[in-house]
Amino acid sequence: MTAQKGRDLLLKLDSDGSGTFETIAGLRTHSLSFNAQSVDITHQESAGAWRELLAGAGVKSANIRGAGIFKDAASDAKVREYFFNSTIRNWQIIMPQFGIVSGPFQIISLEFSGEHDGELTFELALESAGQLTFAGV
């Protein structure tokens, strides 16, 4: 992947389950991380006492973090509702020169902050809640 602007990473939500994704906020910072747990199958006769792992096993997950400002009152209300109800919805993470990651996520953290002479900002964190798909560019 070549260098690209950080603002090109977009976070979109399918708020009604119709498959139509909309940008919910003006994110200023965002990150996406993929994780895979390993399954250790090391035993007494492992060569040289080196750890052995079981291929294709373990749990995969993805985490998304973002911070910014809500684009309107409706998107603010939607995110708060999904957080307080522990709602799982389909989200898309779009990285133009990499691809699109789609699937179910749950908002696990929602924080608000602001300076006395500035705007109200928020931070949210989402965790994958099922199988994700990846469509490369």
C-alpha atoms as a PDB file:
ATOM      1  CA  MET A   1       0.000   0.000   0.000  1.00  0.00           C
ATOM      2  CA  THR A   2       1.412   3.390  -0.940  1.00  0.00           C
ATOM      3  CA  ALA A   3       1.176   6.480   1.260  1.00  0.00           C
ATOM      4  CA  GLN A   4      -2.269   8.027   1.433  1.00  0.00           C
ATOM      5  CA  LYS A   5      -4.118  10.645   3.447  1.00  0.00           C
ATOM      6  CA  GLY A   6      -5.398   9.494   6.841  1.00  0.00           C
ATOM      7  CA  ARG A   7      -8.736  11.139   6.161  1.00  0.00           C
ATOM      8  CA  ASP A   8      -9.309   8.673   3.309  1.00  0.00           C
ATOM      9  CA  LEU A   9     -10.149   5.934   5.838  1.00  0.00           C
ATOM     10  CA  LEU A  10     -13.940   6.014   6.211  1.00  0.00           C
ATOM     11  CA  LEU A  11     -16.220   4.398   8.778  1.00  0.00           C
ATOM     12  CA  LYS A  12     -19.768   3.749   7.584  1.00  0.00           C
ATOM     13  CA  LEU A  13     -22.844   2.221   9.219  1.00  0.00           C
ATOM     14  CA  ASP A  14     -25.783   0.209   7.843  1.00  0.00           C
ATOM     15  CA  SER A  15     -28.262   1.651  10.327  1.00  0.00           C
ATOM     16  CA  ASP A  16     -31.419  -0.068   9.070  1.00  0.00           C
ATOM     17  CA  GLY A  17     -30.080  -3.408   7.813  1.00  0.00           C
ATOM     18  CA  SER A  18     -30.874  -2.606   4.168  1.00  0.00           C
ATOM     19  CA  GLY A  19     -27.268  -2.819   2.974  1.00  0.00           C
ATOM     20  CA  THR A  20     -27.023   0.940   2.474  1.00  0.00           C
ATOM     21  CA  PHE A  21     -24.050   2.361   4.341  1.00  0.00           C
ATOM     22  CA  GLU A  22     -23.788   5.978   5.469  1.00  0.00           C
ATOM     23  CA  THR A  23     -20.962   7.959   7.033  1.00  0.00           C
ATOM     24  CA  ILE A  24     -22.023   8.673  10.593  1.00  0.00           C
ATOM     25  CA  ALA A  25     -19.468  11.188  11.786  1.00  0.00           C
ATOM     26  CA  GLY A  26     -16.621  13.469  10.861  1.00  0.00           C
ATOM     27  CA  LEU A  27     -13.819  11.306  12.206  1.00  0.00           C
ATOM     28  CA  ARG A  28     -10.509  13.056  12.704  1.00  0.00           C
ATOM     29  CA  THR A  29      -8.571  10.014  13.860  1.00  0.00           C
ATOM     30  CA  HIS A  30      -9.279   6.364  13.234  1.00  0.00           C
ATOM     31  CA  SER A  31      -7.583   3.034  13.393  1.00  0.00           C
ATOM     32  CA  LEU A  32      -8.340  -0.539  12.426  1.00  0.00           C
ATOM     33  CA  SER A  33      -6.540  -3.538  13.864  1.00  0.00           C
ATOM     34  CA  PHE A  34      -6.846  -7.228  13.087  1.00  0.00           C
ATOM     35  CA  ASN A  35      -6.057  -9.842  15.702  1.00  0.00           C
ATOM     36  CA  ALA A  36      -5.596 -13.612  15.666  1.00  0.00           C
ATOM     37  CA  GLN A  37      -5.106 -15.727  18.745  1.00  0.00           C
ATOM     38  CA  SER A  38      -2.764 -18.638  18.421  1.00  0.00           C
ATOM     39  CA  VAL A  39      -3.294 -22.193  19.652  1.00  0.00           C
ATOM     40  CA  ASP A  40      -0.165 -23.584  21.263  1.00  0.00           C
ATOM     41  CA  ILE A  41       0.353 -27.305  20.571  1.00  0.00           C
ATOM     42  CA  THR A  42       3.887 -27.522  21.942  1.00  0.00           C
ATOM     43  CA  HIS A  43       4.613 -30.849  23.591  1.00  0.00           C
ATOM     44  CA  GLN A  44       7.448 -32.707  25.254  1.00  0.00           C
ATOM     45  CA  GLU A  45       8.933 -33.826  21.939  1.00  0.00           C
ATOM     46  CA  SER A  46       8.688 -30.498  20.070  1.00  0.00           C
ATOM     47  CA  ALA A  47      11.874 -30.035  18.048  1.00  0.00           C
ATOM     48  CA  GLY A  48      14.460 -28.119  20.042  1.00  0.00           C
ATOM     49  CA  ALA A  49      11.770 -27.205  22.596  1.00  0.00           C
ATOM     50  CA  TRP A  50      10.456 -24.599  20.142  1.00  0.00           C
ATOM     51  CA  ARG A  51       6.846 -23.596  20.407  1.00  0.00           C
ATOM     52  CA  GLU A  52       4.504 -25.127  17.846  1.00  0.00           C
ATOM     53  CA  LEU A  53       1.238 -23.546  16.712  1.00  0.00           C
ATOM     54  CA  LEU A  54      -1.849 -25.128  15.186  1.00  0.00           C
ATOM     55  CA  ALA A  55      -2.482 -23.597  11.752  1.00  0.00           C
ATOM     56  CA  GLY A  56      -5.988 -22.311  11.063  1.00  0.00           C
ATOM     57  CA  ALA A  57      -7.058 -22.453  14.716  1.00  0.00           C
ATOM     58  CA  GLY A  58      -7.747 -19.711  17.228  1.00  0.00           C
ATOM     59  CA  VAL A  59     -10.096 -16.756  17.270  1.00  0.00           C
ATOM     60  CA  LYS A  60      -9.859 -13.843  14.823  1.00  0.00           C
ATOM     61  CA  SER A  61     -11.159 -10.384  15.649  1.00  0.00           C
ATOM     62  CA  ALA A  62     -11.010  -6.782  14.517  1.00  0.00           C
ATOM     63  CA  ASN A  63     -11.125  -3.539  16.483  1.00  0.00           C
ATOM     64  CA  ILE A  64     -11.929  -0.054  15.269  1.00  0.00           C
ATOM     65  CA  ARG A  65     -11.241   3.170  17.145  1.00  0.00           C
ATOM     66  CA  GLY A  66     -12.263   6.624  16.030  1.00  0.00           C
ATOM     67  CA  ALA A  67     -12.505  10.161  17.346  1.00  0.00           C
ATOM     68  CA  GLY A  68     -14.144  13.249  15.917  1.00  0.00           C
ATOM     69  CA  ILE A  69     -17.407  15.145  15.803  1.00  0.00           C
ATOM     70  CA  PHE A  70     -20.875  13.946  14.848  1.00  0.00           C
ATOM     71  CA  LYS A  71     -22.116  15.232  11.503  1.00  0.00           C
ATOM     72  CA  ASP A  72     -25.640  15.826  12.835  1.00  0.00           C
ATOM     73  CA  ALA A  73     -27.964  15.164  15.779  1.00  0.00           C
ATOM     74  CA  ALA A  74     -29.427  12.057  14.119  1.00  0.00           C
ATOM     75  CA  SER A  75     -26.075  10.283  13.833  1.00  0.00           C
ATOM     76  CA  ASP A  76     -25.240  11.244  17.426  1.00  0.00           C
ATOM     77  CA  ALA A  77     -28.553   9.784  18.650  1.00  0.00           C
ATOM     78  CA  LYS A  78     -28.078   6.621  16.577  1.00  0.00           C
ATOM     79  CA  VAL A  79     -24.634   5.877  17.990  1.00  0.00           C
ATOM     80  CA  ARG A  80     -25.799   6.547  21.582  1.00  0.00           C
ATOM     81  CA  GLU A  81     -28.822   4.277  21.074  1.00  0.00           C
ATOM     82  CA  TYR A  82     -26.664   1.463  19.659  1.00  0.00           C
ATOM     83  CA  PHE A  83     -24.217   1.780  22.545  1.00  0.00           C
ATOM     84  CA  PHE A  84     -26.810   1.772  25.343  1.00  0.00           C
ATOM     85  CA  ASN A  85     -28.769  -1.101  23.734  1.00  0.00           C
ATOM     86  CA  SER A  86     -25.608  -3.119  22.898  1.00  0.00           C
ATOM     87  CA  THR A  87     -26.842  -3.248  19.308  1.00  0.00           C
ATOM     88  CA  ILE A  88     -24.820  -5.133  16.725  1.00  0.00           C
ATOM     89  CA  ARG A  89     -24.939  -3.615  13.239  1.00  0.00           C
ATOM     90  CA  ASN A  90     -23.024  -4.007   9.991  1.00  0.00           C
ATOM     91  CA  TRP A  91     -20.251  -1.473   9.496  1.00  0.00           C
ATOM     92  CA  GLN A  92     -17.823  -0.799   6.660  1.00  0.00           C
ATOM     93  CA  ILE A  93     -14.268   0.390   6.923  1.00  0.00           C
ATOM     94  CA  ILE A  94     -13.094   1.803   3.612  1.00  0.00           C
ATOM     95  CA  MET A  95      -9.388   2.226   2.848  1.00  0.00           C
ATOM     96  CA  PRO A  96      -9.244   3.377  -0.788  1.00  0.00           C
ATOM     97  CA  GLN A  97      -5.869   1.859  -1.742  1.00  0.00           C
ATOM     98  CA  PHE A  98      -6.349  -1.297   0.365  1.00  0.00           C
ATOM     99  CA  GLY A  99      -9.957  -2.416   0.276  1.00  0.00           C
ATOM    100  CA  ILE A 100     -13.227  -2.578   2.198  1.00  0.00           C
ATOM    101  CA  VAL A 101     -13.761  -4.535   5.410  1.00  0.00           C
ATOM    102  CA  SER A 102     -17.439  -5.219   6.182  1.00  0.00           C
ATOM    103  CA  GLY A 103     -19.318  -7.045   8.879  1.00  0.00           C
ATOM    104  CA  PRO A 104     -21.042  -6.920  12.243  1.00  0.00           C
ATOM    105  CA  PHE A 105     -19.550  -4.779  15.014  1.00  0.00           C
ATOM    106  CA  GLN A 106     -20.669  -3.670  18.461  1.00  0.00           C
ATOM    107  CA  ILE A 107     -19.807  -0.310  20.019  1.00  0.00           C
ATOM    108  CA  ILE A 108     -17.919  -1.214  23.204  1.00  0.00           C
ATOM    109  CA  SER A 109     -16.765   2.242  24.267  1.00  0.00           C
ATOM    110  CA  LEU A 110     -18.213   5.729  23.798  1.00  0.00           C
ATOM    111  CA  GLU A 111     -16.580   8.804  25.323  1.00  0.00           C
ATOM    112  CA  PHE A 112     -17.379  12.507  25.069  1.00  0.00           C
ATOM    113  CA  SER A 113     -15.065  15.420  25.820  1.00  0.00           C
ATOM    114  CA  GLY A 114     -14.692  19.105  25.123  1.00  0.00           C
ATOM    115  CA  GLU A 115     -12.775  22.227  25.991  1.00  0.00           C
ATOM    116  CA  HIS A 116     -14.564  25.322  27.280  1.00  0.00           C
ATOM    117  CA  ASP A 117     -13.653  27.175  24.075  1.00  0.00           C
ATOM    118  CA  GLY A 118     -14.041  24.301  21.612  1.00  0.00           C
ATOM    119  CA  GLU A 119     -16.432  21.793  20.165  1.00  0.00           C
ATOM    120  CA  LEU A 120     -17.737  18.614  21.800  1.00  0.00           C
ATOM    121  CA  THR A 121     -15.833  15.597  20.508  1.00  0.00           C
ATOM    122  CA  PHE A 122     -16.334  11.888  20.917  1.00  0.00           C
ATOM    123  CA  GLU A 123     -14.314   8.691  20.819  1.00  0.00           C
ATOM    124  CA  LEU A 124     -15.748   5.303  20.068  1.00  0.00           C
ATOM    125  CA  ALA A 125     -14.419   1.777  19.883  1.00  0.00           C
ATOM    126  CA  LEU A 126     -16.022  -1.120  18.048  1.00  0.00           C
ATOM    127  CA  GLU A 127     -15.263  -4.837  18.184  1.00  0.00           C
ATOM    128  CA  SER A 128     -16.145  -7.396  15.557  1.00  0.00           C
ATOM    129  CA  ALA A 129     -19.174  -9.530  16.397  1.00  0.00           C
ATOM    130  CA  GLY A 130     -19.073 -12.117  13.618  1.00  0.00           C
ATOM    131  CA  GLN A 131     -17.416 -13.018  10.343  1.00  0.00           C
ATOM    132  CA  LEU A 132     -15.919 -10.131   8.390  1.00  0.00           C
ATOM    133  CA  THR A 133     -15.468  -9.896   4.651  1.00  0.00           C
ATOM    134  CA  PHE A 134     -12.670  -8.187   2.780  1.00  0.00           C
ATOM    135  CA  ALA A 135     -12.891  -6.833  -0.753  1.00  0.00           C
ATOM    136  CA  GLY A 136      -9.519  -5.689  -2.076  1.00  0.00           C
ATOM    137  CA  VAL A 137      -9.082  -2.939  -4.622  1.00  0.00           C
END
